[in-house]
Amino acid sequence: LGLENLTMGGVAAKLGVRITVLYG
């Protein structure tokens, strides 16, 4: 995604998971 566009939601969407999963 690149640091400039980095969001928790963006990473979650790219991985196909819910945002809450990332908090693990």
mmCIF file of all heavy atoms, coordinates in Angstrom:
data_MODEL
# 
_entry.id   MODEL 
# 
loop_
_atom_site.group_PDB 
_atom_site.id 
_atom_site.type_symbol 
_atom_site.label_atom_id 
_atom_site.label_alt_id 
_atom_site.label_comp_id 
_atom_site.label_asym_id 
_atom_site.label_entity_id 
_atom_site.label_seq_id 
_atom_site.pdbx_PDB_ins_code 
_atom_site.Cartn_x 
_atom_site.Cartn_y 
_atom_site.Cartn_z 
_atom_site.occupancy 
_atom_site.B_iso_or_equiv 
_atom_site.pdbx_formal_charge 
_atom_site.auth_seq_id 
_atom_site.auth_comp_id 
_atom_site.auth_asym_id 
_atom_site.auth_atom_id 
_atom_site.pdbx_PDB_model_num 
ATOM 1   N N   . LEU A 1 1  ? 0.820   -1.209  0.000  1.00 0.00 ? 1  LEU A N   1 
ATOM 2   C CA  . LEU A 1 1  ? 0.000   0.000   0.000  1.00 0.00 ? 1  LEU A CA  1 
ATOM 3   C C   . LEU A 1 1  ? 0.857   1.264   0.000  1.00 0.00 ? 1  LEU A C   1 
ATOM 4   O O   . LEU A 1 1  ? 0.466   2.287   -0.550 1.00 0.00 ? 1  LEU A O   1 
ATOM 5   C CB  . LEU A 1 1  ? -0.917  0.014   1.229  1.00 0.00 ? 1  LEU A CB  1 
ATOM 6   C CG  . LEU A 1 1  ? -2.044  -1.019  1.250  1.00 0.00 ? 1  LEU A CG  1 
ATOM 7   C CD1 . LEU A 1 1  ? -2.766  -0.989  2.593  1.00 0.00 ? 1  LEU A CD1 1 
ATOM 8   C CD2 . LEU A 1 1  ? -3.034  -0.768  0.118  1.00 0.00 ? 1  LEU A CD2 1 
ATOM 9   N N   . GLY A 1 2  ? 2.043   1.178   0.624  1.00 0.00 ? 2  GLY A N   1 
ATOM 10  C CA  . GLY A 1 2  ? 2.908   2.350   0.755  1.00 0.00 ? 2  GLY A CA  1 
ATOM 11  C C   . GLY A 1 2  ? 2.551   3.129   2.004  1.00 0.00 ? 2  GLY A C   1 
ATOM 12  O O   . GLY A 1 2  ? 1.383   3.207   2.400  1.00 0.00 ? 2  GLY A O   1 
ATOM 13  N N   . LEU A 1 3  ? 3.557   3.696   2.641  1.00 0.00 ? 3  LEU A N   1 
ATOM 14  C CA  . LEU A 1 3  ? 3.338   4.382   3.913  1.00 0.00 ? 3  LEU A CA  1 
ATOM 15  C C   . LEU A 1 3  ? 2.382   5.560   3.797  1.00 0.00 ? 3  LEU A C   1 
ATOM 16  O O   . LEU A 1 3  ? 1.626   5.860   4.725  1.00 0.00 ? 3  LEU A O   1 
ATOM 17  C CB  . LEU A 1 3  ? 4.680   4.859   4.475  1.00 0.00 ? 3  LEU A CB  1 
ATOM 18  C CG  . LEU A 1 3  ? 5.596   3.751   5.007  1.00 0.00 ? 3  LEU A CG  1 
ATOM 19  C CD1 . LEU A 1 3  ? 6.968   4.316   5.320  1.00 0.00 ? 3  LEU A CD1 1 
ATOM 20  C CD2 . LEU A 1 3  ? 5.000   3.116   6.247  1.00 0.00 ? 3  LEU A CD2 1 
ATOM 21  N N   . GLU A 1 4  ? 2.393   6.224   2.662  1.00 0.00 ? 4  GLU A N   1 
ATOM 22  C CA  . GLU A 1 4  ? 1.547   7.400   2.492  1.00 0.00 ? 4  GLU A CA  1 
ATOM 23  C C   . GLU A 1 4  ? 0.073   7.041   2.495  1.00 0.00 ? 4  GLU A C   1 
ATOM 24  O O   . GLU A 1 4  ? -0.780  7.837   2.900  1.00 0.00 ? 4  GLU A O   1 
ATOM 25  C CB  . GLU A 1 4  ? 1.917   8.116   1.194  1.00 0.00 ? 4  GLU A CB  1 
ATOM 26  C CG  . GLU A 1 4  ? 1.327   9.499   1.055  1.00 0.00 ? 4  GLU A CG  1 
ATOM 27  C CD  . GLU A 1 4  ? 1.907   10.250  -0.143 1.00 0.00 ? 4  GLU A CD  1 
ATOM 28  O OE1 . GLU A 1 4  ? 3.051   10.721  -0.055 1.00 0.00 ? 4  GLU A OE1 1 
ATOM 29  O OE2 . GLU A 1 4  ? 1.210   10.331  -1.156 1.00 0.00 ? 4  GLU A OE2 1 
ATOM 30  N N   . ASN A 1 5  ? -0.241  5.833   2.031  1.00 0.00 ? 5  ASN A N   1 
ATOM 31  C CA  . ASN A 1 5  ? -1.634  5.403   1.927  1.00 0.00 ? 5  ASN A CA  1 
ATOM 32  C C   . ASN A 1 5  ? -1.994  4.343   2.959  1.00 0.00 ? 5  ASN A C   1 
ATOM 33  O O   . ASN A 1 5  ? -3.045  3.703   2.854  1.00 0.00 ? 5  ASN A O   1 
ATOM 34  C CB  . ASN A 1 5  ? -1.905  4.847   0.522  1.00 0.00 ? 5  ASN A CB  1 
ATOM 35  C CG  . ASN A 1 5  ? -1.579  5.845   -0.571 1.00 0.00 ? 5  ASN A CG  1 
ATOM 36  O OD1 . ASN A 1 5  ? -2.033  6.973   -0.528 1.00 0.00 ? 5  ASN A OD1 1 
ATOM 37  N ND2 . ASN A 1 5  ? -0.791  5.434   -1.552 1.00 0.00 ? 5  ASN A ND2 1 
ATOM 38  N N   . LEU A 1 6  ? -1.146  4.171   3.943  1.00 0.00 ? 6  LEU A N   1 
ATOM 39  C CA  . LEU A 1 6  ? -1.305  3.058   4.872  1.00 0.00 ? 6  LEU A CA  1 
ATOM 40  C C   . LEU A 1 6  ? -2.401  3.320   5.901  1.00 0.00 ? 6  LEU A C   1 
ATOM 41  O O   . LEU A 1 6  ? -2.378  4.330   6.607  1.00 0.00 ? 6  LEU A O   1 
ATOM 42  C CB  . LEU A 1 6  ? 0.022   2.803   5.590  1.00 0.00 ? 6  LEU A CB  1 
ATOM 43  C CG  . LEU A 1 6  ? 0.106   1.553   6.465  1.00 0.00 ? 6  LEU A CG  1 
ATOM 44  C CD1 . LEU A 1 6  ? -0.141  0.298   5.643  1.00 0.00 ? 6  LEU A CD1 1 
ATOM 45  C CD2 . LEU A 1 6  ? 1.474   1.470   7.130  1.00 0.00 ? 6  LEU A CD2 1 
ATOM 46  N N   . THR A 1 7  ? -3.360  2.416   5.965  1.00 0.00 ? 7  THR A N   1 
ATOM 47  C CA  . THR A 1 7  ? -4.398  2.455   6.992  1.00 0.00 ? 7  THR A CA  1 
ATOM 48  C C   . THR A 1 7  ? -4.657  1.029   7.455  1.00 0.00 ? 7  THR A C   1 
ATOM 49  O O   . THR A 1 7  ? -4.378  0.069   6.722  1.00 0.00 ? 7  THR A O   1 
ATOM 50  C CB  . THR A 1 7  ? -5.720  3.033   6.459  1.00 0.00 ? 7  THR A CB  1 
ATOM 51  O OG1 . THR A 1 7  ? -6.241  2.177   5.427  1.00 0.00 ? 7  THR A OG1 1 
ATOM 52  C CG2 . THR A 1 7  ? -5.528  4.445   5.916  1.00 0.00 ? 7  THR A CG2 1 
ATOM 53  N N   . MET A 1 8  ? -5.196  0.898   8.645  1.00 0.00 ? 8  MET A N   1 
ATOM 54  C CA  . MET A 1 8  ? -5.556  -0.426  9.137  1.00 0.00 ? 8  MET A CA  1 
ATOM 55  C C   . MET A 1 8  ? -6.609  -1.049  8.216  1.00 0.00 ? 8  MET A C   1 
ATOM 56  O O   . MET A 1 8  ? -6.544  -2.239  7.889  1.00 0.00 ? 8  MET A O   1 
ATOM 57  C CB  . MET A 1 8  ? -6.092  -0.322  10.562 1.00 0.00 ? 8  MET A CB  1 
ATOM 58  C CG  . MET A 1 8  ? -5.092  0.181   11.582 1.00 0.00 ? 8  MET A CG  1 
ATOM 59  S SD  . MET A 1 8  ? -3.818  -1.036  12.000 1.00 0.00 ? 8  MET A SD  1 
ATOM 60  C CE  . MET A 1 8  ? -4.728  -2.083  13.151 1.00 0.00 ? 8  MET A CE  1 
ATOM 61  N N   . GLY A 1 9  ? -7.573  -0.237  7.787  1.00 0.00 ? 9  GLY A N   1 
ATOM 62  C CA  . GLY A 1 9  ? -8.606  -0.742  6.906  1.00 0.00 ? 9  GLY A CA  1 
ATOM 63  C C   . GLY A 1 9  ? -8.071  -1.206  5.567  1.00 0.00 ? 9  GLY A C   1 
ATOM 64  O O   . GLY A 1 9  ? -8.503  -2.229  5.029  1.00 0.00 ? 9  GLY A O   1 
ATOM 65  N N   . GLY A 1 10 ? -7.107  -0.453  5.034  1.00 0.00 ? 10 GLY A N   1 
ATOM 66  C CA  . GLY A 1 10 ? -6.517  -0.834  3.759  1.00 0.00 ? 10 GLY A CA  1 
ATOM 67  C C   . GLY A 1 10 ? -5.774  -2.151  3.836  1.00 0.00 ? 10 GLY A C   1 
ATOM 68  O O   . GLY A 1 10 ? -5.879  -3.000  2.937  1.00 0.00 ? 10 GLY A O   1 
ATOM 69  N N   . VAL A 1 11 ? -5.010  -2.337  4.906  1.00 0.00 ? 11 VAL A N   1 
ATOM 70  C CA  . VAL A 1 11 ? -4.274  -3.592  5.092  1.00 0.00 ? 11 VAL A CA  1 
ATOM 71  C C   . VAL A 1 11 ? -5.246  -4.749  5.276  1.00 0.00 ? 11 VAL A C   1 
ATOM 72  O O   . VAL A 1 11 ? -5.070  -5.834  4.705  1.00 0.00 ? 11 VAL A O   1 
ATOM 73  C CB  . VAL A 1 11 ? -3.307  -3.488  6.289  1.00 0.00 ? 11 VAL A CB  1 
ATOM 74  C CG1 . VAL A 1 11 ? -2.694  -4.848  6.611  1.00 0.00 ? 11 VAL A CG1 1 
ATOM 75  C CG2 . VAL A 1 11 ? -2.219  -2.468  5.997  1.00 0.00 ? 11 VAL A CG2 1 
ATOM 76  N N   . ALA A 1 12 ? -6.273  -4.531  6.084  1.00 0.00 ? 12 ALA A N   1 
ATOM 77  C CA  . ALA A 1 12 ? -7.259  -5.583  6.309  1.00 0.00 ? 12 ALA A CA  1 
ATOM 78  C C   . ALA A 1 12 ? -7.932  -5.996  5.005  1.00 0.00 ? 12 ALA A C   1 
ATOM 79  O O   . ALA A 1 12 ? -8.111  -7.191  4.721  1.00 0.00 ? 12 ALA A O   1 
ATOM 80  C CB  . ALA A 1 12 ? -8.302  -5.109  7.321  1.00 0.00 ? 12 ALA A CB  1 
ATOM 81  N N   . ALA A 1 13 ? -8.301  -4.992  4.191  1.00 0.00 ? 13 ALA A N   1 
ATOM 82  C CA  . ALA A 1 13 ? -8.949  -5.293  2.915  1.00 0.00 ? 13 ALA A CA  1 
ATOM 83  C C   . ALA A 1 13 ? -8.021  -6.062  1.993  1.00 0.00 ? 13 ALA A C   1 
ATOM 84  O O   . ALA A 1 13 ? -8.447  -7.003  1.296  1.00 0.00 ? 13 ALA A O   1 
ATOM 85  C CB  . ALA A 1 13 ? -9.409  -3.989  2.256  1.00 0.00 ? 13 ALA A CB  1 
ATOM 86  N N   . LYS A 1 14 ? -6.746  -5.674  1.974  1.00 0.00 ? 14 LYS A N   1 
ATOM 87  C CA  . LYS A 1 14 ? -5.785  -6.356  1.105  1.00 0.00 ? 14 LYS A CA  1 
ATOM 88  C C   . LYS A 1 14 ? -5.586  -7.807  1.523  1.00 0.00 ? 14 LYS A C   1 
ATOM 89  O O   . LYS A 1 14 ? -5.368  -8.685  0.682  1.00 0.00 ? 14 LYS A O   1 
ATOM 90  C CB  . LYS A 1 14 ? -4.448  -5.614  1.118  1.00 0.00 ? 14 LYS A CB  1 
ATOM 91  C CG  . LYS A 1 14 ? -3.488  -6.086  0.025  1.00 0.00 ? 14 LYS A CG  1 
ATOM 92  C CD  . LYS A 1 14 ? -2.441  -5.055  -0.242 1.00 0.00 ? 14 LYS A CD  1 
ATOM 93  C CE  . LYS A 1 14 ? -1.608  -5.424  -1.459 1.00 0.00 ? 14 LYS A CE  1 
ATOM 94  N NZ  . LYS A 1 14 ? -2.398  -5.392  -2.720 1.00 0.00 ? 14 LYS A NZ  1 
ATOM 95  N N   . LEU A 1 15 ? -5.670  -8.052  2.815  1.00 0.00 ? 15 LEU A N   1 
ATOM 96  C CA  . LEU A 1 15 ? -5.492  -9.411  3.332  1.00 0.00 ? 15 LEU A CA  1 
ATOM 97  C C   . LEU A 1 15 ? -6.803  -10.197 3.362  1.00 0.00 ? 15 LEU A C   1 
ATOM 98  O O   . LEU A 1 15 ? -6.800  -11.403 3.621  1.00 0.00 ? 15 LEU A O   1 
ATOM 99  C CB  . LEU A 1 15 ? -4.900  -9.360  4.735  1.00 0.00 ? 15 LEU A CB  1 
ATOM 100 C CG  . LEU A 1 15 ? -3.468  -8.834  4.833  1.00 0.00 ? 15 LEU A CG  1 
ATOM 101 C CD1 . LEU A 1 15 ? -3.078  -8.620  6.288  1.00 0.00 ? 15 LEU A CD1 1 
ATOM 102 C CD2 . LEU A 1 15 ? -2.488  -9.798  4.166  1.00 0.00 ? 15 LEU A CD2 1 
ATOM 103 N N   . GLY A 1 16 ? -7.920  -9.503  3.142  1.00 0.00 ? 16 GLY A N   1 
ATOM 104 C CA  . GLY A 1 16 ? -9.212  -10.174 3.162  1.00 0.00 ? 16 GLY A CA  1 
ATOM 105 C C   . GLY A 1 16 ? -9.667  -10.575 4.549  1.00 0.00 ? 16 GLY A C   1 
ATOM 106 O O   . GLY A 1 16 ? -10.315 -11.620 4.716  1.00 0.00 ? 16 GLY A O   1 
ATOM 107 N N   . VAL A 1 17 ? -9.348  -9.744  5.543  1.00 0.00 ? 17 VAL A N   1 
ATOM 108 C CA  . VAL A 1 17 ? -9.742  -10.040 6.925  1.00 0.00 ? 17 VAL A CA  1 
ATOM 109 C C   . VAL A 1 17 ? -10.407 -8.800  7.521  1.00 0.00 ? 17 VAL A C   1 
ATOM 110 O O   . VAL A 1 17 ? -10.367 -7.708  6.952  1.00 0.00 ? 17 VAL A O   1 
ATOM 111 C CB  . VAL A 1 17 ? -8.521  -10.436 7.793  1.00 0.00 ? 17 VAL A CB  1 
ATOM 112 C CG1 . VAL A 1 17 ? -7.834  -11.674 7.218  1.00 0.00 ? 17 VAL A CG1 1 
ATOM 113 C CG2 . VAL A 1 17 ? -7.520  -9.278  7.901  1.00 0.00 ? 17 VAL A CG2 1 
ATOM 114 N N   . ARG A 1 18 ? -11.005 -8.967  8.684  1.00 0.00 ? 18 ARG A N   1 
ATOM 115 C CA  . ARG A 1 18 ? -11.574 -7.837  9.404  1.00 0.00 ? 18 ARG A CA  1 
ATOM 116 C C   . ARG A 1 18 ? -10.463 -7.037  10.084 1.00 0.00 ? 18 ARG A C   1 
ATOM 117 O O   . ARG A 1 18 ? -9.425  -7.594  10.445 1.00 0.00 ? 18 ARG A O   1 
ATOM 118 C CB  . ARG A 1 18 ? -12.570 -8.331  10.450 1.00 0.00 ? 18 ARG A CB  1 
ATOM 119 C CG  . ARG A 1 18 ? -13.817 -8.991  9.869  1.00 0.00 ? 18 ARG A CG  1 
ATOM 120 C CD  . ARG A 1 18 ? -14.729 -9.466  10.986 1.00 0.00 ? 18 ARG A CD  1 
ATOM 121 N NE  . ARG A 1 18 ? -15.922 -10.102 10.472 1.00 0.00 ? 18 ARG A NE  1 
ATOM 122 C CZ  . ARG A 1 18 ? -17.038 -9.454  10.121 1.00 0.00 ? 18 ARG A CZ  1 
ATOM 123 N NH1 . ARG A 1 18 ? -17.085 -8.136  10.274 1.00 0.00 ? 18 ARG A NH1 1 
ATOM 124 N NH2 . ARG A 1 18 ? -18.080 -10.111 9.650  1.00 0.00 ? 18 ARG A NH2 1 
ATOM 125 N N   . ILE A 1 19 ? -10.719 -5.758  10.277 1.00 0.00 ? 19 ILE A N   1 
ATOM 126 C CA  . ILE A 1 19 ? -9.731  -4.905  10.943 1.00 0.00 ? 19 ILE A CA  1 
ATOM 127 C C   . ILE A 1 19 ? -9.378  -5.451  12.314 1.00 0.00 ? 19 ILE A C   1 
ATOM 128 O O   . ILE A 1 19 ? -8.218  -5.409  12.735 1.00 0.00 ? 19 ILE A O   1 
ATOM 129 C CB  . ILE A 1 19 ? -10.249 -3.456  11.056 1.00 0.00 ? 19 ILE A CB  1 
ATOM 130 C CG1 . ILE A 1 19 ? -10.330 -2.805  9.676  1.00 0.00 ? 19 ILE A CG1 1 
ATOM 131 C CG2 . ILE A 1 19 ? -9.322  -2.626  11.955 1.00 0.00 ? 19 ILE A CG2 1 
ATOM 132 C CD1 . ILE A 1 19 ? -10.849 -1.374  9.709  1.00 0.00 ? 19 ILE A CD1 1 
ATOM 133 N N   . THR A 1 20 ? -10.367 -5.985  13.018 1.00 0.00 ? 20 THR A N   1 
ATOM 134 C CA  . THR A 1 20 ? -10.116 -6.489  14.368 1.00 0.00 ? 20 THR A CA  1 
ATOM 135 C C   . THR A 1 20 ? -9.063  -7.584  14.392 1.00 0.00 ? 20 THR A C   1 
ATOM 136 O O   . THR A 1 20 ? -8.358  -7.756  15.394 1.00 0.00 ? 20 THR A O   1 
ATOM 137 C CB  . THR A 1 20 ? -11.423 -7.008  14.992 1.00 0.00 ? 20 THR A CB  1 
ATOM 138 O OG1 . THR A 1 20 ? -12.024 -7.965  14.099 1.00 0.00 ? 20 THR A OG1 1 
ATOM 139 C CG2 . THR A 1 20 ? -12.397 -5.867  15.250 1.00 0.00 ? 20 THR A CG2 1 
ATOM 140 N N   . VAL A 1 21 ? -8.932  -8.317  13.295 1.00 0.00 ? 21 VAL A N   1 
ATOM 141 C CA  . VAL A 1 21 ? -7.934  -9.388  13.225 1.00 0.00 ? 21 VAL A CA  1 
ATOM 142 C C   . VAL A 1 21 ? -6.521  -8.803  13.323 1.00 0.00 ? 21 VAL A C   1 
ATOM 143 O O   . VAL A 1 21 ? -5.626  -9.401  13.922 1.00 0.00 ? 21 VAL A O   1 
ATOM 144 C CB  . VAL A 1 21 ? -8.089  -10.198 11.920 1.00 0.00 ? 21 VAL A CB  1 
ATOM 145 C CG1 . VAL A 1 21 ? -6.943  -11.204 11.766 1.00 0.00 ? 21 VAL A CG1 1 
ATOM 146 C CG2 . VAL A 1 21 ? -9.435  -10.911 11.898 1.00 0.00 ? 21 VAL A CG2 1 
ATOM 147 N N   . LEU A 1 22 ? -6.328  -7.626  12.746 1.00 0.00 ? 22 LEU A N   1 
ATOM 148 C CA  . LEU A 1 22 ? -4.992  -7.019  12.734 1.00 0.00 ? 22 LEU A CA  1 
ATOM 149 C C   . LEU A 1 22 ? -4.501  -6.688  14.134 1.00 0.00 ? 22 LEU A C   1 
ATOM 150 O O   . LEU A 1 22 ? -3.287  -6.647  14.380 1.00 0.00 ? 22 LEU A O   1 
ATOM 151 C CB  . LEU A 1 22 ? -4.985  -5.749  11.880 1.00 0.00 ? 22 LEU A CB  1 
ATOM 152 C CG  . LEU A 1 22 ? -5.274  -5.924  10.382 1.00 0.00 ? 22 LEU A CG  1 
ATOM 153 C CD1 . LEU A 1 22 ? -5.175  -4.580  9.676  1.00 0.00 ? 22 LEU A CD1 1 
ATOM 154 C CD2 . LEU A 1 22 ? -4.334  -6.934  9.757  1.00 0.00 ? 22 LEU A CD2 1 
ATOM 155 N N   . TYR A 1 23 ? -5.428  -6.426  15.043 1.00 0.00 ? 23 TYR A N   1 
ATOM 156 C CA  . TYR A 1 23 ? -5.021  -6.065  16.400 1.00 0.00 ? 23 TYR A CA  1 
ATOM 157 C C   . TYR A 1 23 ? -4.386  -7.229  17.152 1.00 0.00 ? 23 TYR A C   1 
ATOM 158 O O   . TYR A 1 23 ? -3.831  -7.041  18.236 1.00 0.00 ? 23 TYR A O   1 
ATOM 159 C CB  . TYR A 1 23 ? -6.210  -5.495  17.174 1.00 0.00 ? 23 TYR A CB  1 
ATOM 160 C CG  . TYR A 1 23 ? -6.601  -4.119  16.686 1.00 0.00 ? 23 TYR A CG  1 
ATOM 161 C CD1 . TYR A 1 23 ? -7.732  -3.937  15.900 1.00 0.00 ? 23 TYR A CD1 1 
ATOM 162 C CD2 . TYR A 1 23 ? -5.818  -3.010  16.991 1.00 0.00 ? 23 TYR A CD2 1 
ATOM 163 C CE1 . TYR A 1 23 ? -8.080  -2.678  15.432 1.00 0.00 ? 23 TYR A CE1 1 
ATOM 164 C CE2 . TYR A 1 23 ? -6.162  -1.748  16.521 1.00 0.00 ? 23 TYR A CE2 1 
ATOM 165 C CZ  . TYR A 1 23 ? -7.287  -1.586  15.743 1.00 0.00 ? 23 TYR A CZ  1 
ATOM 166 O OH  . TYR A 1 23 ? -7.618  -0.338  15.276 1.00 0.00 ? 23 TYR A OH  1 
ATOM 167 N N   . GLY A 1 24 ? -4.433  -8.385  16.572 1.00 0.00 ? 24 GLY A N   1 
ATOM 168 C CA  . GLY A 1 24 ? -3.696  -9.511  17.127 1.00 0.00 ? 24 GLY A CA  1 
ATOM 169 C C   . GLY A 1 24 ? -2.226  -9.480  16.742 1.00 0.00 ? 24 GLY A C   1 
ATOM 170 O O   . GLY A 1 24 ? -1.428  -10.260 17.258 1.00 0.00 ? 24 GLY A O   1 
# 
